[in-house]
């Protein structure tokens, strides 16, 4: 499994721990390590570029409440999962 996939699985498996106290922020995850939390998506990418972290070896994931109801949508070939909190 590559680091990108590892990080995605790590987020899903540890979402409650990762997001605690950081709902709405963006977590940068590399493998099984949270490298930091940022106010927005681009700040996470910029910080990793400044630290010379190799692109493609980490993810920037929005911290969402793991208990928020989710809605799955399948429409015209688009498949996605959305949190109700985003539509409020």
N, C-alpha and C. Protein backbone atom coordinates (compact mmCIF):
# COMPACT_ATOMS: atom_id res chain seq x y z
N UNK A 1 0.85 -1.17 0.00
CA UNK A 1 0.00 0.00 0.00
C UNK A 1 0.90 1.25 0.00
N UNK A 2 0.60 2.23 -0.85
CA UNK A 2 1.42 3.44 -0.88
C UNK A 2 1.03 4.39 0.26
N UNK A 3 1.83 5.43 0.48
CA UNK A 3 1.59 6.35 1.60
C UNK A 3 0.27 7.09 1.46
N UNK A 4 -0.10 7.41 0.21
CA UNK A 4 -1.35 8.13 -0.04
C UNK A 4 -2.53 7.28 0.40
N UNK A 5 -2.55 6.01 -0.02
CA UNK A 5 -3.62 5.09 0.35
C UNK A 5 -3.58 4.82 1.85
N UNK A 6 -2.39 4.64 2.39
CA UNK A 6 -2.20 4.42 3.82
C UNK A 6 -2.83 5.56 4.62
N UNK A 7 -2.57 6.79 4.20
CA UNK A 7 -3.08 7.97 4.89
C UNK A 7 -4.61 8.02 4.84
N UNK A 8 -5.19 7.66 3.70
CA UNK A 8 -6.65 7.66 3.56
C UNK A 8 -7.28 6.64 4.50
N UNK A 9 -6.72 5.44 4.55
CA UNK A 9 -7.22 4.41 5.46
C UNK A 9 -7.02 4.82 6.92
N UNK A 10 -5.90 5.44 7.21
CA UNK A 10 -5.60 5.89 8.57
C UNK A 10 -6.65 6.91 9.02
N UNK A 11 -6.99 7.86 8.13
CA UNK A 11 -8.02 8.86 8.48
C UNK A 11 -9.33 8.17 8.80
N UNK A 12 -9.76 7.28 7.93
CA UNK A 12 -11.05 6.61 8.15
C UNK A 12 -11.05 5.77 9.43
N UNK A 13 -9.95 5.09 9.70
CA UNK A 13 -9.88 4.23 10.88
C UNK A 13 -9.76 5.03 12.18
N UNK A 14 -9.21 6.24 12.12
CA UNK A 14 -8.94 7.03 13.32
C UNK A 14 -9.58 8.41 13.26
N UNK A 15 -10.67 8.53 12.49
CA UNK A 15 -11.30 9.83 12.27
C UNK A 15 -11.66 10.53 13.58
N UNK A 16 -12.23 9.81 14.52
CA UNK A 16 -12.64 10.44 15.78
C UNK A 16 -11.45 11.07 16.51
N UNK A 17 -10.35 10.33 16.58
CA UNK A 17 -9.14 10.84 17.26
C UNK A 17 -8.53 12.01 16.48
N UNK A 18 -8.45 11.88 15.16
CA UNK A 18 -7.83 12.92 14.33
C UNK A 18 -8.62 14.22 14.36
N UNK A 19 -9.95 14.11 14.34
CA UNK A 19 -10.78 15.32 14.22
C UNK A 19 -11.11 15.97 15.56
N UNK A 20 -10.90 15.27 16.66
CA UNK A 20 -11.24 15.81 17.98
C UNK A 20 -10.57 17.17 18.19
N UNK A 21 -11.39 18.18 18.37
CA UNK A 21 -10.88 19.54 18.59
C UNK A 21 -10.48 20.26 17.31
N UNK A 22 -10.71 19.62 16.15
CA UNK A 22 -10.26 20.21 14.88
C UNK A 22 -11.34 20.21 13.80
N UNK A 23 -12.62 20.07 14.18
CA UNK A 23 -13.70 20.04 13.20
C UNK A 23 -13.65 21.32 12.37
N UNK A 24 -13.71 21.15 11.05
CA UNK A 24 -13.67 22.28 10.12
C UNK A 24 -12.27 22.64 9.65
N UNK A 25 -11.26 22.14 10.34
CA UNK A 25 -9.88 22.38 9.91
C UNK A 25 -9.46 21.30 8.92
N UNK A 26 -8.26 21.43 8.40
CA UNK A 26 -7.73 20.46 7.44
C UNK A 26 -6.50 19.79 8.03
N UNK A 27 -6.54 18.45 8.08
CA UNK A 27 -5.42 17.68 8.61
C UNK A 27 -4.54 17.23 7.45
N UNK A 28 -3.24 17.37 7.61
CA UNK A 28 -2.29 16.82 6.64
C UNK A 28 -1.78 15.52 7.24
N UNK A 29 -1.98 14.42 6.49
CA UNK A 29 -1.63 13.10 6.99
C UNK A 29 -0.68 12.44 6.00
N UNK A 30 0.41 11.91 6.53
CA UNK A 30 1.38 11.17 5.73
C UNK A 30 1.52 9.79 6.38
N UNK A 31 1.13 8.76 5.64
CA UNK A 31 1.15 7.42 6.22
C UNK A 31 0.22 7.36 7.41
N UNK A 32 0.78 7.13 8.59
CA UNK A 32 0.00 7.05 9.82
C UNK A 32 0.35 8.19 10.77
N UNK A 33 0.78 9.32 10.19
CA UNK A 33 1.20 10.46 11.00
C UNK A 33 0.46 11.72 10.56
N UNK A 34 -0.12 12.44 11.53
CA UNK A 34 -0.72 13.75 11.24
C UNK A 34 0.42 14.77 11.32
N UNK A 35 0.69 15.44 10.20
CA UNK A 35 1.79 16.41 10.14
C UNK A 35 1.37 17.79 10.63
N UNK A 36 0.06 18.04 10.65
CA UNK A 36 -0.40 19.33 11.13
C UNK A 36 -1.85 19.58 10.77
N UNK A 37 -2.41 20.64 11.35
CA UNK A 37 -3.78 21.07 11.10
C UNK A 37 -3.74 22.50 10.57
N UNK A 38 -4.60 22.78 9.60
CA UNK A 38 -4.58 24.08 8.95
C UNK A 38 -5.99 24.61 8.75
N UNK A 39 -6.08 25.94 8.64
CA UNK A 39 -7.36 26.62 8.49
C UNK A 39 -8.04 26.27 7.17
N UNK A 40 -7.26 26.09 6.13
CA UNK A 40 -7.86 25.75 4.83
C UNK A 40 -6.94 24.80 4.06
N UNK A 41 -7.49 24.27 2.99
CA UNK A 41 -6.83 23.25 2.16
C UNK A 41 -5.47 23.74 1.64
N UNK A 42 -5.47 24.95 1.07
CA UNK A 42 -4.24 25.48 0.46
C UNK A 42 -3.15 25.74 1.49
N UNK A 43 -3.51 26.16 2.69
CA UNK A 43 -2.50 26.37 3.74
C UNK A 43 -1.77 25.06 4.05
N UNK A 44 -2.51 23.95 4.03
CA UNK A 44 -1.88 22.65 4.25
C UNK A 44 -0.87 22.32 3.17
N UNK A 45 -1.26 22.53 1.91
CA UNK A 45 -0.34 22.26 0.80
C UNK A 45 0.87 23.19 0.83
N UNK A 46 0.64 24.46 1.10
CA UNK A 46 1.74 25.42 1.16
C UNK A 46 2.74 25.06 2.26
N UNK A 47 2.22 24.68 3.42
CA UNK A 47 3.10 24.33 4.55
C UNK A 47 3.95 23.11 4.20
N UNK A 48 3.37 22.14 3.50
CA UNK A 48 4.14 20.95 3.13
C UNK A 48 5.19 21.29 2.08
N UNK A 49 4.86 22.20 1.17
CA UNK A 49 5.84 22.63 0.16
C UNK A 49 7.01 23.35 0.84
N UNK A 50 6.70 24.19 1.82
CA UNK A 50 7.75 24.92 2.55
C UNK A 50 8.65 23.97 3.33
N UNK A 51 8.09 22.83 3.77
CA UNK A 51 8.87 21.84 4.52
C UNK A 51 9.51 20.80 3.59
N UNK A 52 9.34 21.01 2.28
CA UNK A 52 9.88 20.10 1.26
C UNK A 52 9.37 18.67 1.40
N UNK A 53 8.11 18.52 1.83
CA UNK A 53 7.49 17.20 1.89
C UNK A 53 7.08 16.83 0.46
N UNK A 54 7.48 15.66 0.02
CA UNK A 54 7.27 15.24 -1.36
C UNK A 54 5.78 15.15 -1.70
N UNK A 55 5.33 15.87 -2.75
CA UNK A 55 3.94 15.78 -3.19
C UNK A 55 3.57 14.34 -3.52
N UNK A 56 2.34 13.96 -3.21
CA UNK A 56 1.88 12.61 -3.48
C UNK A 56 2.15 11.63 -2.36
N UNK A 57 2.84 12.11 -1.30
CA UNK A 57 3.13 11.22 -0.17
C UNK A 57 2.24 11.54 1.03
N UNK A 58 1.32 12.48 0.87
CA UNK A 58 0.44 12.88 1.97
C UNK A 58 -0.92 13.28 1.41
N UNK A 59 -1.90 13.38 2.31
CA UNK A 59 -3.21 13.88 1.92
C UNK A 59 -3.55 15.09 2.79
N UNK A 60 -4.41 15.94 2.27
CA UNK A 60 -4.98 17.04 3.05
C UNK A 60 -6.47 16.73 3.13
N UNK A 61 -6.95 16.47 4.33
CA UNK A 61 -8.33 16.00 4.51
C UNK A 61 -9.07 16.91 5.47
N UNK A 62 -10.28 17.34 5.09
CA UNK A 62 -11.08 18.18 5.99
C UNK A 62 -11.55 17.35 7.16
N UNK A 63 -11.39 17.88 8.35
CA UNK A 63 -11.83 17.20 9.57
C UNK A 63 -13.34 17.40 9.73
N UNK A 64 -14.06 16.31 9.58
CA UNK A 64 -15.51 16.35 9.69
C UNK A 64 -15.96 15.57 10.92
N UNK A 65 -17.07 15.97 11.48
CA UNK A 65 -17.62 15.30 12.64
C UNK A 65 -17.98 13.86 12.26
N UNK A 66 -17.35 12.87 12.90
CA UNK A 66 -17.63 11.48 12.54
C UNK A 66 -19.06 11.06 12.84
N UNK A 67 -19.77 11.82 13.69
CA UNK A 67 -21.14 11.48 14.04
C UNK A 67 -22.18 12.21 13.19
N UNK A 68 -21.73 13.10 12.30
CA UNK A 68 -22.67 13.84 11.45
C UNK A 68 -23.30 12.88 10.44
N UNK A 69 -24.63 13.00 10.24
CA UNK A 69 -25.27 12.13 9.24
C UNK A 69 -24.70 12.40 7.86
N UNK A 70 -24.60 11.36 7.07
CA UNK A 70 -24.04 11.47 5.73
C UNK A 70 -25.10 11.09 4.70
N UNK A 71 -25.00 11.67 3.54
CA UNK A 71 -25.91 11.38 2.44
C UNK A 71 -25.07 10.93 1.26
N UNK A 72 -25.35 9.76 0.74
CA UNK A 72 -24.66 9.30 -0.46
C UNK A 72 -25.47 9.70 -1.67
N UNK A 73 -24.79 10.17 -2.70
CA UNK A 73 -25.46 10.66 -3.89
C UNK A 73 -24.92 9.93 -5.11
N UNK A 74 -25.83 9.44 -5.93
CA UNK A 74 -25.45 8.87 -7.22
C UNK A 74 -26.31 9.58 -8.25
N UNK A 75 -25.69 10.40 -9.10
CA UNK A 75 -26.44 11.19 -10.06
C UNK A 75 -25.62 11.39 -11.31
N UNK A 76 -26.11 10.94 -12.45
CA UNK A 76 -25.45 11.13 -13.74
C UNK A 76 -24.00 10.67 -13.73
N UNK A 77 -23.76 9.54 -13.08
CA UNK A 77 -22.40 9.00 -13.07
C UNK A 77 -21.52 9.57 -11.97
N UNK A 78 -22.00 10.56 -11.25
CA UNK A 78 -21.21 11.12 -10.16
C UNK A 78 -21.55 10.38 -8.88
N UNK A 79 -20.55 9.92 -8.19
CA UNK A 79 -20.77 9.23 -6.91
C UNK A 79 -19.99 9.98 -5.86
N UNK A 80 -20.64 10.32 -4.77
CA UNK A 80 -19.95 11.02 -3.71
C UNK A 80 -20.68 10.87 -2.40
N UNK A 81 -20.01 11.23 -1.34
CA UNK A 81 -20.62 11.22 -0.01
C UNK A 81 -20.47 12.61 0.57
N UNK A 82 -21.57 13.13 1.06
CA UNK A 82 -21.58 14.48 1.59
C UNK A 82 -22.06 14.46 3.03
N UNK A 83 -21.53 15.34 3.82
CA UNK A 83 -21.98 15.48 5.20
C UNK A 83 -23.10 16.51 5.23
N UNK A 84 -24.13 16.23 6.02
CA UNK A 84 -25.23 17.19 6.16
C UNK A 84 -24.70 18.52 6.68
N UNK A 85 -23.66 18.49 7.47
CA UNK A 85 -23.12 19.73 8.04
C UNK A 85 -22.68 20.70 6.97
N UNK A 86 -22.27 20.21 5.79
CA UNK A 86 -21.84 21.09 4.72
C UNK A 86 -22.99 21.86 4.09
N UNK A 87 -24.20 21.33 4.20
CA UNK A 87 -25.32 21.99 3.54
C UNK A 87 -26.04 22.97 4.45
N UNK A 88 -25.58 23.09 5.69
CA UNK A 88 -26.23 24.01 6.63
C UNK A 88 -25.67 25.39 6.52
